[in-house]
Amino acid sequence: MHLRAEMAAGRGEGWRSRMASLTCRYTRDFLSASDESIAAFRAQQAVAFAAERQAWDLAGEFPTSLLTACSPSCGTLSTAH
């Protein structure tokens, strides 16, 4: 927060950014090393999303009965995964 205030006041001296690049190998290695935590997050995310959709349905805000599976080209939402 302090850095943001300093930058907004025009006193951002001393802060430097530098260009960085990610290689394909680094990215693959990172994803491989993070595979278990990524899978755990995605599983938790799917459960949370399903619960949210159910809450919407129960509240009548966005009934899942209106969502039908269709091809992506038709432009409607789908509950299919």
N, C-alpha and C. Protein backbone atom coordinates (compact mmCIF):
# COMPACT_ATOMS: atom_id res chain seq x y z
N MET A 1 0.82 -1.18 0.00
CA MET A 1 0.00 0.00 0.00
C MET A 1 0.87 1.25 0.00
N HIS A 2 1.94 1.21 0.76
CA HIS A 2 2.82 2.36 0.83
C HIS A 2 3.40 2.70 -0.54
N LEU A 3 3.83 1.68 -1.27
CA LEU A 3 4.40 1.91 -2.60
C LEU A 3 3.37 2.55 -3.53
N ARG A 4 2.13 2.10 -3.46
CA ARG A 4 1.08 2.68 -4.30
C ARG A 4 0.90 4.17 -3.99
N ALA A 5 0.88 4.51 -2.73
CA ALA A 5 0.72 5.92 -2.35
C ALA A 5 1.90 6.74 -2.83
N GLU A 6 3.09 6.21 -2.69
CA GLU A 6 4.29 6.92 -3.16
C GLU A 6 4.24 7.12 -4.67
N MET A 7 3.84 6.09 -5.39
CA MET A 7 3.76 6.21 -6.85
C MET A 7 2.70 7.24 -7.25
N ALA A 8 1.55 7.20 -6.59
CA ALA A 8 0.48 8.14 -6.90
C ALA A 8 0.90 9.57 -6.62
N ALA A 9 1.76 9.77 -5.62
CA ALA A 9 2.23 11.11 -5.27
C ALA A 9 3.43 11.52 -6.12
N GLY A 10 3.84 10.65 -7.05
CA GLY A 10 4.97 10.98 -7.91
C GLY A 10 6.32 10.77 -7.24
N ARG A 11 6.34 10.01 -6.15
CA ARG A 11 7.59 9.76 -5.44
C ARG A 11 7.98 8.28 -5.52
N GLY A 12 7.91 7.72 -6.69
CA GLY A 12 8.19 6.30 -6.84
C GLY A 12 9.63 5.98 -7.12
N GLU A 13 10.56 6.88 -6.79
CA GLU A 13 11.96 6.63 -7.06
C GLU A 13 12.42 5.40 -6.28
N GLY A 14 13.38 4.72 -6.85
CA GLY A 14 13.92 3.56 -6.17
C GLY A 14 13.20 2.28 -6.55
N TRP A 15 12.07 2.41 -7.18
CA TRP A 15 11.35 1.23 -7.63
C TRP A 15 11.69 1.00 -9.08
N ARG A 16 12.09 -0.18 -9.37
CA ARG A 16 12.47 -0.50 -10.74
C ARG A 16 11.73 -1.76 -11.19
N SER A 17 11.37 -1.76 -12.42
CA SER A 17 10.82 -3.00 -12.99
C SER A 17 11.80 -3.47 -14.05
N ARG A 18 11.74 -4.74 -14.32
CA ARG A 18 12.61 -5.25 -15.36
C ARG A 18 11.84 -6.26 -16.19
N MET A 19 12.23 -6.37 -17.40
CA MET A 19 11.59 -7.33 -18.28
C MET A 19 12.01 -8.73 -17.85
N ALA A 20 11.09 -9.62 -17.95
CA ALA A 20 11.39 -11.02 -17.65
C ALA A 20 10.69 -11.88 -18.68
N SER A 21 11.22 -13.02 -18.88
CA SER A 21 10.57 -13.93 -19.80
C SER A 21 10.53 -15.32 -19.20
N LEU A 22 9.51 -16.02 -19.54
CA LEU A 22 9.37 -17.39 -19.09
C LEU A 22 9.63 -18.31 -20.26
N THR A 23 10.47 -19.26 -20.04
CA THR A 23 10.73 -20.22 -21.11
C THR A 23 9.70 -21.33 -21.02
N CYS A 24 9.53 -22.03 -22.10
CA CYS A 24 8.62 -23.17 -22.10
C CYS A 24 9.07 -24.21 -21.08
N ARG A 25 10.38 -24.41 -21.00
CA ARG A 25 10.88 -25.40 -20.05
C ARG A 25 10.57 -25.00 -18.62
N TYR A 26 10.78 -23.74 -18.28
CA TYR A 26 10.48 -23.26 -16.92
C TYR A 26 9.00 -23.46 -16.62
N THR A 27 8.16 -23.09 -17.58
CA THR A 27 6.73 -23.21 -17.40
C THR A 27 6.32 -24.66 -17.20
N ARG A 28 6.85 -25.57 -18.04
CA ARG A 28 6.55 -27.00 -17.90
C ARG A 28 7.00 -27.52 -16.54
N ASP A 29 8.22 -27.14 -16.14
CA ASP A 29 8.75 -27.58 -14.84
C ASP A 29 7.89 -27.07 -13.69
N PHE A 30 7.50 -25.81 -13.78
CA PHE A 30 6.66 -25.22 -12.74
C PHE A 30 5.32 -25.95 -12.65
N LEU A 31 4.69 -26.17 -13.80
CA LEU A 31 3.40 -26.85 -13.81
C LEU A 31 3.52 -28.28 -13.31
N SER A 32 4.60 -28.95 -13.67
CA SER A 32 4.80 -30.32 -13.19
C SER A 32 4.98 -30.34 -11.68
N ALA A 33 5.75 -29.42 -11.16
CA ALA A 33 5.99 -29.35 -9.72
C ALA A 33 4.73 -28.95 -8.96
N SER A 34 3.84 -28.23 -9.63
CA SER A 34 2.63 -27.72 -8.99
C SER A 34 1.40 -28.55 -9.31
N ASP A 35 1.58 -29.66 -10.01
CA ASP A 35 0.46 -30.45 -10.52
C ASP A 35 -0.54 -30.84 -9.44
N GLU A 36 -0.06 -31.33 -8.30
CA GLU A 36 -0.96 -31.77 -7.24
C GLU A 36 -1.76 -30.61 -6.66
N SER A 37 -1.09 -29.50 -6.40
CA SER A 37 -1.81 -28.37 -5.81
C SER A 37 -2.78 -27.75 -6.81
N ILE A 38 -2.43 -27.77 -8.08
CA ILE A 38 -3.34 -27.25 -9.11
C ILE A 38 -4.58 -28.13 -9.19
N ALA A 39 -4.39 -29.45 -9.16
CA ALA A 39 -5.53 -30.37 -9.21
C ALA A 39 -6.41 -30.21 -7.97
N ALA A 40 -5.79 -30.03 -6.81
CA ALA A 40 -6.57 -29.84 -5.57
C ALA A 40 -7.37 -28.54 -5.64
N PHE A 41 -6.75 -27.49 -6.15
CA PHE A 41 -7.46 -26.21 -6.28
C PHE A 41 -8.63 -26.35 -7.24
N ARG A 42 -8.40 -26.98 -8.39
CA ARG A 42 -9.47 -27.12 -9.38
C ARG A 42 -10.63 -27.94 -8.83
N ALA A 43 -10.34 -28.98 -8.04
CA ALA A 43 -11.39 -29.79 -7.43
C ALA A 43 -12.19 -28.94 -6.44
N GLN A 44 -11.49 -28.19 -5.61
CA GLN A 44 -12.16 -27.31 -4.64
C GLN A 44 -12.97 -26.24 -5.36
N GLN A 45 -12.43 -25.71 -6.43
CA GLN A 45 -13.12 -24.69 -7.21
C GLN A 45 -14.41 -25.26 -7.82
N ALA A 46 -14.35 -26.47 -8.35
CA ALA A 46 -15.53 -27.10 -8.95
C ALA A 46 -16.63 -27.30 -7.92
N VAL A 47 -16.25 -27.73 -6.71
CA VAL A 47 -17.23 -27.90 -5.64
C VAL A 47 -17.86 -26.56 -5.28
N ALA A 48 -17.04 -25.53 -5.16
CA ALA A 48 -17.55 -24.19 -4.81
C ALA A 48 -18.47 -23.65 -5.90
N PHE A 49 -18.08 -23.83 -7.17
CA PHE A 49 -18.92 -23.36 -8.26
C PHE A 49 -20.26 -24.09 -8.28
N ALA A 50 -20.24 -25.41 -8.05
CA ALA A 50 -21.48 -26.18 -8.03
C ALA A 50 -22.39 -25.70 -6.90
N ALA A 51 -21.80 -25.45 -5.74
CA ALA A 51 -22.59 -24.96 -4.61
C ALA A 51 -23.18 -23.59 -4.92
N GLU A 52 -22.42 -22.74 -5.58
CA GLU A 52 -22.92 -21.41 -5.93
C GLU A 52 -24.07 -21.52 -6.93
N ARG A 53 -23.90 -22.38 -7.93
CA ARG A 53 -24.98 -22.56 -8.92
C ARG A 53 -26.24 -23.10 -8.24
N GLN A 54 -26.07 -24.03 -7.30
CA GLN A 54 -27.22 -24.56 -6.58
C GLN A 54 -27.90 -23.47 -5.74
N ALA A 55 -27.10 -22.63 -5.10
CA ALA A 55 -27.66 -21.53 -4.31
C ALA A 55 -28.45 -20.58 -5.21
N TRP A 56 -27.93 -20.30 -6.39
CA TRP A 56 -28.65 -19.44 -7.34
C TRP A 56 -29.97 -20.08 -7.72
N ASP A 57 -29.92 -21.39 -8.00
CA ASP A 57 -31.12 -22.10 -8.40
C ASP A 57 -32.16 -22.06 -7.29
N LEU A 58 -31.74 -22.34 -6.06
CA LEU A 58 -32.66 -22.34 -4.92
C LEU A 58 -33.25 -20.96 -4.66
N ALA A 59 -32.47 -19.92 -4.95
CA ALA A 59 -32.95 -18.55 -4.74
C ALA A 59 -33.75 -18.04 -5.93
N GLY A 60 -33.80 -18.84 -7.00
CA GLY A 60 -34.53 -18.43 -8.19
C GLY A 60 -33.83 -17.37 -9.00
N GLU A 61 -32.56 -17.14 -8.70
CA GLU A 61 -31.82 -16.09 -9.40
C GLU A 61 -31.40 -16.50 -10.80
N PHE A 62 -31.02 -17.74 -10.95
CA PHE A 62 -30.48 -18.18 -12.22
C PHE A 62 -30.75 -19.68 -12.33
N PRO A 63 -32.00 -20.07 -12.58
CA PRO A 63 -32.36 -21.48 -12.55
C PRO A 63 -31.55 -22.31 -13.53
N THR A 64 -30.98 -23.38 -13.02
CA THR A 64 -30.18 -24.25 -13.90
C THR A 64 -31.06 -24.93 -14.93
N SER A 65 -32.39 -24.95 -14.69
CA SER A 65 -33.29 -25.53 -15.69
C SER A 65 -33.27 -24.73 -16.99
N LEU A 66 -32.83 -23.48 -16.92
CA LEU A 66 -32.72 -22.66 -18.14
C LEU A 66 -31.46 -22.96 -18.92
N LEU A 67 -30.50 -23.59 -18.25
CA LEU A 67 -29.23 -23.89 -18.90
C LEU A 67 -29.33 -25.25 -19.58
N THR A 68 -29.07 -25.26 -20.85
CA THR A 68 -29.12 -26.52 -21.58
C THR A 68 -27.82 -26.73 -22.31
N ALA A 69 -27.47 -27.96 -22.46
CA ALA A 69 -26.23 -28.28 -23.19
C ALA A 69 -26.49 -28.02 -24.67
N CYS A 70 -25.55 -27.35 -25.29
CA CYS A 70 -25.64 -27.11 -26.73
C CYS A 70 -24.23 -26.90 -27.26
N SER A 71 -24.14 -26.75 -28.55
CA SER A 71 -22.83 -26.51 -29.13
C SER A 71 -22.38 -25.10 -28.80
N PRO A 72 -21.06 -24.88 -28.68
CA PRO A 72 -20.57 -23.54 -28.33
C PRO A 72 -20.99 -22.49 -29.35
N SER A 73 -21.29 -22.89 -30.56
CA SER A 73 -21.61 -21.90 -31.59
C SER A 73 -23.02 -21.31 -31.42
N CYS A 74 -23.86 -21.93 -30.57
CA CYS A 74 -25.23 -21.41 -30.46
C CYS A 74 -25.31 -20.20 -29.53
N GLY A 75 -24.25 -19.96 -28.73
CA GLY A 75 -24.20 -18.76 -27.92
C GLY A 75 -24.95 -18.82 -26.62
N THR A 76 -25.37 -19.99 -26.15
CA THR A 76 -26.03 -20.08 -24.87
C THR A 76 -25.13 -20.78 -23.86
N LEU A 77 -25.47 -20.62 -22.60
CA LEU A 77 -24.69 -21.24 -21.55
C LEU A 77 -24.97 -22.73 -21.47
N SER A 78 -24.04 -23.46 -20.91
CA SER A 78 -24.21 -24.89 -20.80
C SER A 78 -23.76 -25.35 -19.41
N THR A 79 -24.45 -26.33 -18.85
CA THR A 79 -24.02 -26.91 -17.59
C THR A 79 -23.10 -28.08 -17.83
N ALA A 80 -22.95 -28.48 -19.07
CA ALA A 80 -22.06 -29.61 -19.39
C ALA A 80 -20.61 -29.21 -19.16
N HIS A 81 -19.82 -30.13 -18.67
CA HIS A 81 -18.41 -29.84 -18.42
C HIS A 81 -17.55 -30.65 -19.35
